[in-house]
Amino acid sequence: MSVPLARLFSLDLLKAFVATGRRLSITQAADDLCLTQSAVSRQVHALEAQVGTRLFVRLQRGVAFTSAGERLFRSADPAVQQLQEAAAELAGGGSAAHAVTLTASVGVMAVWLLPRLSRLQGRHPGLDVRLSTNNRVSDLRADGIDIALRYAREGAVPSAALRLFDETLAPVGHPRVAQALARGEPCPLLEYDDTRTWLHWRTWLADASSPPPRRQMMRFNQYDQVVQAALAGQGLAIGRIELLQPLIDSGQLSIVEMACKPMKSPYAIWLLLADEQPREQVRQVADWIRAEAAQVRQWRAPAAVREQPAAATG
């Protein structure tokens, strides 16, 4: 049962919530809304007071959804996006209908796609693209999405999906962390708090010749947060090497040798299109993604890469 319209929270509060949820950062949301950081923070607090529960957990860098916040965002984000598109159509004669809508998981979007986006802008400067981060599987046509990048097993994607590249897992850290480990110094382990067990240190270290010493564990609910913590030298992360290739090539992260071998992930990155015969703008973005993916090097360790244990599911 829905609440009466008179009791629904105001659009200003909803805009602040959605902007913060899209960026997972109050600072960046404030930039998007042309407001001060404190104003956005007050609006988010006001919405939390109205709904009677916390919607975000404040982190050292940015914010993360609570379960209630994620539930509200799943409904609020598409509703606000529809209002944005309707406003654009009224103001600009329907130009928003030509934007290409691209969705990807938070990790793939932040770590792989966004750093490359300037090349798409340079290749097609007049192209309008709308990016949406979402960790759930969407019905592309029903949700108005043109292109999706999916992190999934082969059997979980449609037959028309294009496999962009596979994934190899190995420990990575800031070069000074790698140097500290080489000297025998302990360091925290950074972990993505996810149901996929091959992204857990317990699974990754399972075949070590001897049990590793107990170390401090720091867990994050988004993979890009793990990467940022690793870049800041805060610990050792399970690196999704193909996604992190530019950071490794530039020396910002180093692959760290440990007693256990690198692991091949059972998942890959896939490209899905809503329509088999997409319009020209969608085709241009899809072609650019394929070209970028073709440059990803499938990483191979000097020693054999082990397979993901059969017992790990997700």
C-alpha atoms as a PDB file:
ATOM      1  CA  MET A   1       0.000   0.000   0.000  1.00  0.00           C
ATOM      2  CA  SER A   2       1.399   3.402  -0.937  1.00  0.00           C
ATOM      3  CA  VAL A   3       1.546   6.451   1.322  1.00  0.00           C
ATOM      4  CA  PRO A   4      -0.712   9.446   0.540  1.00  0.00           C
ATOM      5  CA  LEU A   5       0.826  11.930  -1.866  1.00  0.00           C
ATOM      6  CA  ALA A   6       0.757  14.637   0.808  1.00  0.00           C
ATOM      7  CA  ARG A   7       3.069  12.526   3.006  1.00  0.00           C
ATOM      8  CA  LEU A   8       5.592  11.670   0.280  1.00  0.00           C
ATOM      9  CA  PHE A   9       9.030  13.204   0.841  1.00  0.00           C
ATOM     10  CA  SER A  10       9.896  16.314  -1.147  1.00  0.00           C
ATOM     11  CA  LEU A  11      11.626  16.223  -4.508  1.00  0.00           C
ATOM     12  CA  ASP A  12      14.588  18.206  -3.129  1.00  0.00           C
ATOM     13  CA  LEU A  13      15.263  15.525  -0.520  1.00  0.00           C
ATOM     14  CA  LEU A  14      14.842  12.783  -3.106  1.00  0.00           C
ATOM     15  CA  LYS A  15      17.214  14.558  -5.519  1.00  0.00           C
ATOM     16  CA  ALA A  16      19.871  14.789  -2.798  1.00  0.00           C
ATOM     17  CA  PHE A  17      19.441  11.097  -1.977  1.00  0.00           C
ATOM     18  CA  VAL A  18      19.597   9.943  -5.611  1.00  0.00           C
ATOM     19  CA  ALA A  19      22.576  12.181  -6.444  1.00  0.00           C
ATOM     20  CA  THR A  20      24.449  10.806  -3.435  1.00  0.00           C
ATOM     21  CA  GLY A  21      23.488   7.252  -4.318  1.00  0.00           C
ATOM     22  CA  ARG A  22      24.654   7.613  -7.905  1.00  0.00           C
ATOM     23  CA  ARG A  23      28.062   8.898  -6.829  1.00  0.00           C
ATOM     24  CA  LEU A  24      28.327   7.232  -3.409  1.00  0.00           C
ATOM     25  CA  SER A  25      29.828  10.564  -2.407  1.00  0.00           C
ATOM     26  CA  ILE A  26      28.181  13.578  -0.789  1.00  0.00           C
ATOM     27  CA  THR A  27      30.935  15.822  -2.147  1.00  0.00           C
ATOM     28  CA  GLN A  28      30.381  14.739  -5.755  1.00  0.00           C
ATOM     29  CA  ALA A  29      26.596  14.850  -5.314  1.00  0.00           C
ATOM     30  CA  ALA A  30      26.948  18.446  -4.156  1.00  0.00           C
ATOM     31  CA  ASP A  31      28.845  19.255  -7.354  1.00  0.00           C
ATOM     32  CA  ASP A  32      26.099  17.635  -9.458  1.00  0.00           C
ATOM     33  CA  LEU A  33      23.372  19.603  -7.657  1.00  0.00           C
ATOM     34  CA  CYS A  34      25.331  22.892  -7.520  1.00  0.00           C
ATOM     35  CA  LEU A  35      24.911  22.914  -3.727  1.00  0.00           C
ATOM     36  CA  THR A  36      27.293  22.924  -0.795  1.00  0.00           C
ATOM     37  CA  GLN A  37      28.331  19.632   0.751  1.00  0.00           C
ATOM     38  CA  SER A  38      26.665  20.589   4.038  1.00  0.00           C
ATOM     39  CA  ALA A  39      23.369  21.361   2.249  1.00  0.00           C
ATOM     40  CA  VAL A  40      23.295  17.924   0.601  1.00  0.00           C
ATOM     41  CA  SER A  41      24.233  16.275   3.900  1.00  0.00           C
ATOM     42  CA  ARG A  42      21.360  18.087   5.668  1.00  0.00           C
ATOM     43  CA  GLN A  43      18.899  16.995   2.972  1.00  0.00           C
ATOM     44  CA  VAL A  44      20.006  13.376   3.248  1.00  0.00           C
ATOM     45  CA  HIS A  45      19.680  13.539   7.048  1.00  0.00           C
ATOM     46  CA  ALA A  46      16.209  15.065   6.661  1.00  0.00           C
ATOM     47  CA  LEU A  47      15.124  12.226   4.379  1.00  0.00           C
ATOM     48  CA  GLU A  48      16.529   9.661   6.821  1.00  0.00           C
ATOM     49  CA  ALA A  49      14.509  11.336   9.580  1.00  0.00           C
ATOM     50  CA  GLN A  50      11.338  11.157   7.472  1.00  0.00           C
ATOM     51  CA  VAL A  51      11.705   7.479   6.596  1.00  0.00           C
ATOM     52  CA  GLY A  52      12.868   6.634  10.116  1.00  0.00           C
ATOM     53  CA  THR A  53      16.029   4.746   9.216  1.00  0.00           C
ATOM     54  CA  ARG A  54      19.573   5.314   7.976  1.00  0.00           C
ATOM     55  CA  LEU A  55      20.001   5.206   4.214  1.00  0.00           C
ATOM     56  CA  PHE A  56      23.790   5.555   4.046  1.00  0.00           C
ATOM     57  CA  VAL A  57      26.776   4.480   6.094  1.00  0.00           C
ATOM     58  CA  ARG A  58      29.411   7.197   6.212  1.00  0.00           C
ATOM     59  CA  LEU A  59      32.892   5.938   5.255  1.00  0.00           C
ATOM     60  CA  GLN A  60      36.306   7.563   5.353  1.00  0.00           C
ATOM     61  CA  ARG A  61      35.909   8.230   1.638  1.00  0.00           C
ATOM     62  CA  GLY A  62      32.330   8.558   0.457  1.00  0.00           C
ATOM     63  CA  VAL A  63      29.291   6.627   1.639  1.00  0.00           C
ATOM     64  CA  ALA A  64      27.753   3.183   1.202  1.00  0.00           C
ATOM     65  CA  PHE A  65      24.111   2.120   1.102  1.00  0.00           C
ATOM     66  CA  THR A  66      22.391   0.477   4.015  1.00  0.00           C
ATOM     67  CA  SER A  67      19.963  -2.274   3.008  1.00  0.00           C
ATOM     68  CA  ALA A  68      17.089   0.227   3.341  1.00  0.00           C
ATOM     69  CA  GLY A  69      18.963   2.815   1.299  1.00  0.00           C
ATOM     70  CA  GLU A  70      19.688   0.357  -1.500  1.00  0.00           C
ATOM     71  CA  ARG A  71      16.021  -0.672  -1.602  1.00  0.00           C
ATOM     72  CA  LEU A  72      14.877   2.935  -1.851  1.00  0.00           C
ATOM     73  CA  PHE A  73      17.520   3.757  -4.468  1.00  0.00           C
ATOM     74  CA  ARG A  74      16.357   0.933  -6.740  1.00  0.00           C
ATOM     75  CA  SER A  75      12.967   2.667  -6.968  1.00  0.00           C
ATOM     76  CA  ALA A  76      14.030   6.307  -6.705  1.00  0.00           C
ATOM     77  CA  ASP A  77      16.850   6.344  -9.261  1.00  0.00           C
ATOM     78  CA  PRO A  78      14.778   5.251 -12.307  1.00  0.00           C
ATOM     79  CA  ALA A  79      11.910   7.516 -11.213  1.00  0.00           C
ATOM     80  CA  VAL A  80      14.178  10.557 -11.004  1.00  0.00           C
ATOM     81  CA  GLN A  81      15.825   9.591 -14.298  1.00  0.00           C
ATOM     82  CA  GLN A  82      12.429   9.526 -15.993  1.00  0.00           C
ATOM     83  CA  LEU A  83      11.733  13.008 -14.631  1.00  0.00           C
ATOM     84  CA  GLN A  84      15.123  14.185 -15.969  1.00  0.00           C
ATOM     85  CA  GLU A  85      14.386  12.769 -19.402  1.00  0.00           C
ATOM     86  CA  ALA A  86      10.878  14.237 -19.467  1.00  0.00           C
ATOM     87  CA  ALA A  87      12.269  17.649 -18.500  1.00  0.00           C
ATOM     88  CA  ALA A  88      14.880  17.413 -21.238  1.00  0.00           C
ATOM     89  CA  GLU A  89      12.260  16.473 -23.826  1.00  0.00           C
ATOM     90  CA  LEU A  90      10.062  19.398 -22.841  1.00  0.00           C
ATOM     91  CA  ALA A  91      12.992  21.820 -22.926  1.00  0.00           C
ATOM     92  CA  GLY A  92      14.824  20.470 -25.946  1.00  0.00           C
ATOM     93  CA  GLY A  93      12.308  18.898 -28.254  1.00  0.00           C
ATOM     94  CA  GLY A  94      13.004  15.287 -27.299  1.00  0.00           C
ATOM     95  CA  SER A  95      16.817  15.249 -27.574  1.00  0.00           C
ATOM     96  CA  ALA A  96      17.101  13.022 -24.462  1.00  0.00           C
ATOM     97  CA  ALA A  97      15.573  10.178 -26.409  1.00  0.00           C
ATOM     98  CA  HIS A  98      18.787   9.978 -28.454  1.00  0.00           C
ATOM     99  CA  ALA A  99      21.078   9.490 -25.446  1.00  0.00           C
ATOM    100  CA  VAL A 100      22.722   6.075 -25.167  1.00  0.00           C
ATOM    101  CA  THR A 101      22.022   4.497 -21.776  1.00  0.00           C
ATOM    102  CA  LEU A 102      24.828   2.268 -20.536  1.00  0.00           C
ATOM    103  CA  THR A 103      24.773   0.287 -17.298  1.00  0.00           C
ATOM    104  CA  ALA A 104      27.485  -1.671 -15.496  1.00  0.00           C
ATOM    105  CA  SER A 105      28.269  -2.900 -12.018  1.00  0.00           C
ATOM    106  CA  VAL A 106      29.845  -0.367  -9.687  1.00  0.00           C
ATOM    107  CA  GLY A 107      33.253  -2.069  -9.871  1.00  0.00           C
ATOM    108  CA  VAL A 108      33.385  -2.408 -13.658  1.00  0.00           C
ATOM    109  CA  MET A 109      32.075   1.117 -14.162  1.00  0.00           C
ATOM    110  CA  ALA A 110      34.464   2.813 -11.723  1.00  0.00           C
ATOM    111  CA  VAL A 111      37.591   0.740 -12.305  1.00  0.00           C
ATOM    112  CA  TRP A 112      37.434  -0.089 -16.010  1.00  0.00           C
ATOM    113  CA  LEU A 113      34.955   2.084 -17.911  1.00  0.00           C
ATOM    114  CA  LEU A 114      35.188   5.576 -16.418  1.00  0.00           C
ATOM    115  CA  PRO A 115      38.988   5.941 -16.792  1.00  0.00           C
ATOM    116  CA  ARG A 116      38.567   5.236 -20.519  1.00  0.00           C
ATOM    117  CA  LEU A 117      35.540   7.443 -21.127  1.00  0.00           C
ATOM    118  CA  SER A 118      37.515  10.430 -22.423  1.00  0.00           C
ATOM    119  CA  ARG A 119      38.513   8.321 -25.434  1.00  0.00           C
ATOM    120  CA  LEU A 120      34.848   7.781 -26.301  1.00  0.00           C
ATOM    121  CA  GLN A 121      34.242  11.518 -25.976  1.00  0.00           C
ATOM    122  CA  GLY A 122      37.187  12.211 -28.270  1.00  0.00           C
ATOM    123  CA  ARG A 123      36.020   9.676 -30.833  1.00  0.00           C
ATOM    124  CA  HIS A 124      32.358  10.799 -30.818  1.00  0.00           C
ATOM    125  CA  PRO A 125      32.261  14.340 -29.365  1.00  0.00           C
ATOM    126  CA  GLY A 126      28.579  14.902 -30.183  1.00  0.00           C
ATOM    127  CA  LEU A 127      27.353  11.688 -28.574  1.00  0.00           C
ATOM    128  CA  ASP A 128      25.091  11.852 -25.501  1.00  0.00           C
ATOM    129  CA  VAL A 129      25.683   8.990 -23.057  1.00  0.00           C
ATOM    130  CA  ARG A 130      23.900   8.288 -19.781  1.00  0.00           C
ATOM    131  CA  LEU A 131      25.777   6.032 -17.344  1.00  0.00           C
ATOM    132  CA  SER A 132      24.044   4.005 -14.653  1.00  0.00           C
ATOM    133  CA  THR A 133      25.805   1.884 -12.035  1.00  0.00           C
ATOM    134  CA  ASN A 134      23.841  -1.098 -10.850  1.00  0.00           C
ATOM    135  CA  ASN A 135      24.871  -4.439  -9.373  1.00  0.00           C
ATOM    136  CA  ARG A 136      21.575  -6.150 -10.180  1.00  0.00           C
ATOM    137  CA  VAL A 137      20.655  -7.819 -13.476  1.00  0.00           C
ATOM    138  CA  SER A 138      18.277  -5.553 -15.387  1.00  0.00           C
ATOM    139  CA  ASP A 139      15.649  -6.190 -18.027  1.00  0.00           C
ATOM    140  CA  LEU A 140      17.333  -3.939 -20.575  1.00  0.00           C
ATOM    141  CA  ARG A 141      14.302  -3.001 -22.632  1.00  0.00           C
ATOM    142  CA  ALA A 142      11.954  -2.621 -19.666  1.00  0.00           C
ATOM    143  CA  ASP A 143      14.475  -0.396 -17.855  1.00  0.00           C
ATOM    144  CA  GLY A 144      15.253   1.726 -20.923  1.00  0.00           C
ATOM    145  CA  ILE A 145      18.882   0.517 -21.115  1.00  0.00           C
ATOM    146  CA  ASP A 146      20.673   0.266 -24.461  1.00  0.00           C
ATOM    147  CA  ILE A 147      23.936  -1.413 -23.406  1.00  0.00           C
ATOM    148  CA  ALA A 148      24.968  -3.403 -20.352  1.00  0.00           C
ATOM    149  CA  LEU A 149      28.356  -4.623 -19.177  1.00  0.00           C
ATOM    150  CA  ARG A 150      27.850  -7.699 -17.043  1.00  0.00           C
ATOM    151  CA  TYR A 151      30.145  -9.587 -14.661  1.00  0.00           C
ATOM    152  CA  ALA A 152      28.796 -13.144 -14.835  1.00  0.00           C
ATOM    153  CA  ARG A 153      29.305 -16.811 -15.599  1.00  0.00           C
ATOM    154  CA  GLU A 154      28.868 -17.952 -19.178  1.00  0.00           C
ATOM    155  CA  GLY A 155      25.624 -19.774 -18.404  1.00  0.00           C
ATOM    156  CA  ALA A 156      24.067 -16.695 -16.795  1.00  0.00           C
ATOM    157  CA  VAL A 157      24.092 -14.417 -19.854  1.00  0.00           C
ATOM    158  CA  PRO A 158      22.021 -14.571 -23.067  1.00  0.00           C
ATOM    159  CA  SER A 159      23.475 -16.445 -26.018  1.00  0.00           C
ATOM    160  CA  ALA A 160      23.834 -13.154 -27.915  1.00  0.00           C
ATOM    161  CA  ALA A 161      26.115 -11.684 -25.223  1.00  0.00           C
ATOM    162  CA  LEU A 162      29.689 -10.946 -26.325  1.00  0.00           C
ATOM    163  CA  ARG A 163      32.522 -12.101 -24.046  1.00  0.00           C
ATOM    164  CA  LEU A 164      34.810  -9.081 -23.724  1.00  0.00           C
ATOM    165  CA  PHE A 165      37.546 -10.577 -21.544  1.00  0.00           C
ATOM    166  CA  ASP A 166      38.138 -13.122 -18.788  1.00  0.00           C
ATOM    167  CA  GLU A 167      39.419 -12.399 -15.315  1.00  0.00           C
ATOM    168  CA  THR A 168      42.464 -13.500 -13.334  1.00  0.00           C
ATOM    169  CA  LEU A 169      42.855 -12.921  -9.603  1.00  0.00           C
ATOM    170  CA  ALA A 170      46.152 -12.169  -7.851  1.00  0.00           C
ATOM    171  CA  PRO A 171      47.158 -10.105  -4.800  1.00  0.00           C
ATOM    172  CA  VAL A 172      47.962  -6.458  -5.500  1.00  0.00           C
ATOM    173  CA  GLY A 173      49.080  -3.542  -3.400  1.00  0.00           C
ATOM    174  CA  HIS A 174      50.800  -0.201  -3.483  1.00  0.00           C
ATOM    175  CA  PRO A 175      54.540  -0.631  -4.254  1.00  0.00           C
ATOM    176  CA  ARG A 176      55.443   0.333  -0.675  1.00  0.00           C
ATOM    177  CA  VAL A 177      53.115  -2.407   0.622  1.00  0.00           C
ATOM    178  CA  ALA A 178      54.829  -4.909  -1.671  1.00  0.00           C
ATOM    179  CA  GLN A 179      58.212  -3.760  -0.344  1.00  0.00           C
ATOM    180  CA  ALA A 180      57.028  -4.101   3.251  1.00  0.00           C
ATOM    181  CA  LEU A 181      55.816  -7.647   2.591  1.00  0.00           C
ATOM    182  CA  ALA A 182      59.174  -8.512   1.032  1.00  0.00           C
ATOM    183  CA  ARG A 183      60.797  -7.434   4.303  1.00  0.00           C
ATOM    184  CA  GLY A 184      58.477  -9.770   6.202  1.00  0.00           C
ATOM    185  CA  GLU A 185      56.298  -7.014   7.647  1.00  0.00           C
ATOM    186  CA  PRO A 186      52.568  -7.779   8.113  1.00  0.00           C
ATOM    187  CA  CYS A 187      49.901  -5.753   6.341  1.00  0.00           C
ATOM    188  CA  PRO A 188      46.081  -5.621   6.469  1.00  0.00           C
ATOM    189  CA  LEU A 189      44.043  -7.593   3.947  1.00  0.00           C
ATOM    190  CA  LEU A 190      41.468  -5.626   1.948  1.00  0.00           C
ATOM    191  CA  GLU A 191      38.385  -7.607   0.983  1.00  0.00           C
ATOM    192  CA  TYR A 192      35.290  -7.032  -1.145  1.00  0.00           C
ATOM    193  CA  ASP A 193      32.337  -8.074   1.032  1.00  0.00           C
ATOM    194  CA  ASP A 194      30.544 -10.042  -1.656  1.00  0.00           C
ATOM    195  CA  THR A 195      28.798 -13.413  -2.002  1.00  0.00           C
ATOM    196  CA  ARG A 196      31.246 -14.572  -4.694  1.00  0.00           C
ATOM    197  CA  THR A 197      33.705 -16.616  -2.683  1.00  0.00           C
ATOM    198  CA  TRP A 198      36.618 -16.351  -5.107  1.00  0.00           C
ATOM    199  CA  LEU A 199      36.840 -12.681  -4.118  1.00  0.00           C
ATOM    200  CA  HIS A 200      37.408 -13.703  -0.467  1.00  0.00           C
ATOM    201  CA  TRP A 201      40.860 -14.092   1.018  1.00  0.00           C
ATOM    202  CA  ARG A 202      39.822 -17.350   2.723  1.00  0.00           C
ATOM    203  CA  THR A 203      39.220 -18.977  -0.657  1.00  0.00           C
ATOM    204  CA  TRP A 204      42.239 -17.387  -2.278  1.00  0.00           C
ATOM    205  CA  LEU A 205      44.632 -18.644   0.414  1.00  0.00           C
ATOM    206  CA  ALA A 206      43.044 -22.103   0.648  1.00  0.00           C
ATOM    207  CA  ASP A 207      45.850 -23.919  -1.194  1.00  0.00           C
ATOM    208  CA  ALA A 208      48.745 -22.132   0.531  1.00  0.00           C
ATOM    209  CA  SER A 209      51.412 -24.646   1.597  1.00  0.00           C
ATOM    210  CA  SER A 210      51.106 -23.437   5.191  1.00  0.00           C
ATOM    211  CA  PRO A 211      48.353 -21.454   6.918  1.00  0.00           C
ATOM    212  CA  PRO A 212      49.096 -17.728   6.669  1.00  0.00           C
ATOM    213  CA  PRO A 213      49.374 -15.745   9.913  1.00  0.00           C
ATOM    214  CA  ARG A 214      46.209 -13.998  11.089  1.00  0.00           C
ATOM    215  CA  ARG A 215      46.070 -10.484   9.707  1.00  0.00           C
ATOM    216  CA  GLN A 216      43.851  -7.477  10.158  1.00  0.00           C
ATOM    217  CA  MET A 217      40.946  -7.523   7.683  1.00  0.00           C
ATOM    218  CA  MET A 218      39.248  -4.459   6.194  1.00  0.00           C
ATOM    219  CA  ARG A 219      36.033  -5.130   4.274  1.00  0.00           C
ATOM    220  CA  PHE A 220      34.257  -2.892   1.752  1.00  0.00           C
ATOM    221  CA  ASN A 221      30.854  -3.210   0.089  1.00  0.00           C
ATOM    222  CA  GLN A 222      32.037  -1.993  -3.345  1.00  0.00           C
ATOM    223  CA  TYR A 223      35.060  -3.179  -5.290  1.00  0.00           C
ATOM    224  CA  ASP A 224      36.151   0.318  -6.318  1.00  0.00           C
ATOM    225  CA  GLN A 225      36.522   1.112  -2.605  1.00  0.00           C
ATOM    226  CA  VAL A 226      38.897  -1.852  -2.293  1.00  0.00           C
ATOM    227  CA  VAL A 227      40.944  -0.472  -5.182  1.00  0.00           C
ATOM    228  CA  GLN A 228      41.077   3.025  -3.684  1.00  0.00           C
ATOM    229  CA  ALA A 229      42.250   1.607  -0.352  1.00  0.00           C
ATOM    230  CA  ALA A 230      44.961  -0.403  -2.137  1.00  0.00           C
ATOM    231  CA  LEU A 231      46.093   2.675  -4.069  1.00  0.00           C
ATOM    232  CA  ALA A 232      46.347   4.541  -0.769  1.00  0.00           C
ATOM    233  CA  GLY A 233      48.679   1.866   0.613  1.00  0.00           C
ATOM    234  CA  GLN A 234      46.187   0.681   3.240  1.00  0.00           C
ATOM    235  CA  GLY A 235      46.682  -3.027   2.596  1.00  0.00           C
ATOM    236  CA  LEU A 236      46.749  -5.943   0.194  1.00  0.00           C
ATOM    237  CA  ALA A 237      43.774  -6.563  -2.127  1.00  0.00           C
ATOM    238  CA  ILE A 238      42.635  -9.413  -4.321  1.00  0.00           C
ATOM    239  CA  GLY A 239      43.268  -7.835  -7.702  1.00  0.00           C
ATOM    240  CA  ARG A 240      41.026  -8.436 -10.685  1.00  0.00           C
ATOM    241  CA  ILE A 241      44.045  -8.102 -12.913  1.00  0.00           C
ATOM    242  CA  GLU A 242      42.434  -7.407 -16.285  1.00  0.00           C
ATOM    243  CA  LEU A 243      40.379  -4.578 -14.780  1.00  0.00           C
ATOM    244  CA  LEU A 244      43.417  -3.128 -13.000  1.00  0.00           C
ATOM    245  CA  GLN A 245      45.839  -3.444 -15.925  1.00  0.00           C
ATOM    246  CA  PRO A 246      46.414   0.336 -16.420  1.00  0.00           C
ATOM    247  CA  LEU A 247      47.095   0.859 -12.712  1.00  0.00           C
ATOM    248  CA  ILE A 248      49.604  -1.994 -12.748  1.00  0.00           C
ATOM    249  CA  ASP A 249      51.243  -0.817 -15.977  1.00  0.00           C
ATOM    250  CA  SER A 250      51.636   2.686 -14.537  1.00  0.00           C
ATOM    251  CA  GLY A 251      53.244   1.389 -11.353  1.00  0.00           C
ATOM    252  CA  GLN A 252      50.458   2.589  -9.063  1.00  0.00           C
ATOM    253  CA  LEU A 253      49.779  -1.016  -8.039  1.00  0.00           C
ATOM    254  CA  SER A 254      52.081  -4.019  -7.972  1.00  0.00           C
ATOM    255  CA  ILE A 255      51.267  -7.719  -8.262  1.00  0.00           C
ATOM    256  CA  VAL A 256      52.554  -9.339  -5.064  1.00  0.00           C
ATOM    257  CA  GLU A 257      54.008 -12.842  -5.050  1.00  0.00           C
ATOM    258  CA  MET A 258      52.627 -15.110  -2.346  1.00  0.00           C
ATOM    259  CA  ALA A 259      52.741 -18.788  -1.450  1.00  0.00           C
ATOM    260  CA  CYS A 260      49.518 -19.541  -3.341  1.00  0.00           C
ATOM    261  CA  LYS A 261      49.108 -19.293  -7.098  1.00  0.00           C
ATOM    262  CA  PRO A 262      46.978 -16.774  -9.010  1.00  0.00           C
ATOM    263  CA  MET A 263      43.429 -17.916  -9.620  1.00  0.00           C
ATOM    264  CA  LYS A 264      41.292 -17.883 -12.737  1.00  0.00           C
ATOM    265  CA  SER A 265      37.878 -16.385 -11.989  1.00  0.00           C
ATOM    266  CA  PRO A 266      34.777 -18.317 -13.125  1.00  0.00           C
ATOM    267  CA  TYR A 267      33.277 -14.990 -14.218  1.00  0.00           C
ATOM    268  CA  ALA A 268      33.997 -12.833 -17.261  1.00  0.00           C
ATOM    269  CA  ILE A 269      32.980  -9.387 -18.498  1.00  0.00           C
ATOM    270  CA  TRP A 270      30.192  -9.489 -21.112  1.00  0.00           C
ATOM    271  CA  LEU A 271      28.615  -6.971 -23.467  1.00  0.00           C
ATOM    272  CA  LEU A 272      24.828  -7.095 -23.887  1.00  0.00           C
ATOM    273  CA  LEU A 273      22.677  -5.028 -26.251  1.00  0.00           C
ATOM    274  CA  ALA A 274      18.965  -4.442 -25.760  1.00  0.00           C
ATOM    275  CA  ASP A 275      18.330  -4.685 -29.518  1.00  0.00           C
ATOM    276  CA  GLU A 276      19.941  -6.962 -32.077  1.00  0.00           C
ATOM    277  CA  GLN A 277      19.845  -4.099 -34.600  1.00  0.00           C
ATOM    278  CA  PRO A 278      20.683  -1.053 -32.472  1.00  0.00           C
ATOM    279  CA  ARG A 279      20.411   2.521 -33.638  1.00  0.00           C
ATOM    280  CA  GLU A 280      23.559   4.234 -34.868  1.00  0.00           C
ATOM    281  CA  GLN A 281      24.483   5.955 -31.589  1.00  0.00           C
ATOM    282  CA  VAL A 282      24.211   2.688 -29.655  1.00  0.00           C
ATOM    283  CA  ARG A 283      26.276   0.886 -32.276  1.00  0.00           C
ATOM    284  CA  GLN A 284      29.005   3.532 -31.984  1.00  0.00           C
ATOM    285  CA  VAL A 285      29.271   3.076 -28.215  1.00  0.00           C
ATOM    286  CA  ALA A 286      29.210  -0.732 -28.512  1.00  0.00           C
ATOM    287  CA  ASP A 287      31.943  -0.661 -31.162  1.00  0.00           C
ATOM    288  CA  TRP A 288      34.061   1.572 -28.923  1.00  0.00           C
ATOM    289  CA  ILE A 289      33.632  -0.815 -25.970  1.00  0.00           C
ATOM    290  CA  ARG A 290      34.660  -3.764 -28.140  1.00  0.00           C
ATOM    291  CA  ALA A 291      37.745  -1.865 -29.325  1.00  0.00           C
ATOM    292  CA  GLU A 292      38.730  -1.009 -25.735  1.00  0.00           C
ATOM    293  CA  ALA A 293      38.187  -4.595 -24.591  1.00  0.00           C
ATOM    294  CA  ALA A 294      40.355  -5.890 -27.446  1.00  0.00           C
ATOM    295  CA  GLN A 295      43.291  -4.019 -25.891  1.00  0.00           C
ATOM    296  CA  VAL A 296      42.928  -5.778 -22.536  1.00  0.00           C
ATOM    297  CA  ARG A 297      45.753  -8.258 -22.084  1.00  0.00           C
ATOM    298  CA  GLN A 298      44.745 -11.583 -20.608  1.00  0.00           C
ATOM    299  CA  TRP A 299      47.214 -11.826 -17.752  1.00  0.00           C
ATOM    300  CA  ARG A 300      49.279 -14.953 -17.301  1.00  0.00           C
ATOM    301  CA  ALA A 301      51.482 -15.542 -14.272  1.00  0.00           C
ATOM    302  CA  PRO A 302      54.946 -17.096 -14.678  1.00  0.00           C
ATOM    303  CA  ALA A 303      53.636 -20.134 -12.751  1.00  0.00           C
ATOM    304  CA  ALA A 304      50.469 -22.043 -13.609  1.00  0.00           C
ATOM    305  CA  VAL A 305      47.184 -20.328 -12.848  1.00  0.00           C
ATOM    306  CA  ARG A 306      44.856 -22.468 -10.779  1.00  0.00           C
ATOM    307  CA  GLU A 307      41.138 -22.861 -11.417  1.00  0.00           C
ATOM    308  CA  GLN A 308      38.491 -21.533  -9.059  1.00  0.00           C
ATOM    309  CA  PRO A 309      37.571 -24.351  -6.608  1.00  0.00           C
ATOM    310  CA  ALA A 310      34.398 -26.151  -7.659  1.00  0.00           C
ATOM    311  CA  ALA A 311      32.827 -25.691  -4.246  1.00  0.00           C
ATOM    312  CA  ALA A 312      32.798 -21.910  -4.559  1.00  0.00           C
ATOM    313  CA  THR A 313      29.556 -20.713  -6.072  1.00  0.00           C
ATOM    314  CA  GLY A 314      27.904 -17.374  -6.651  1.00  0.00           C
END
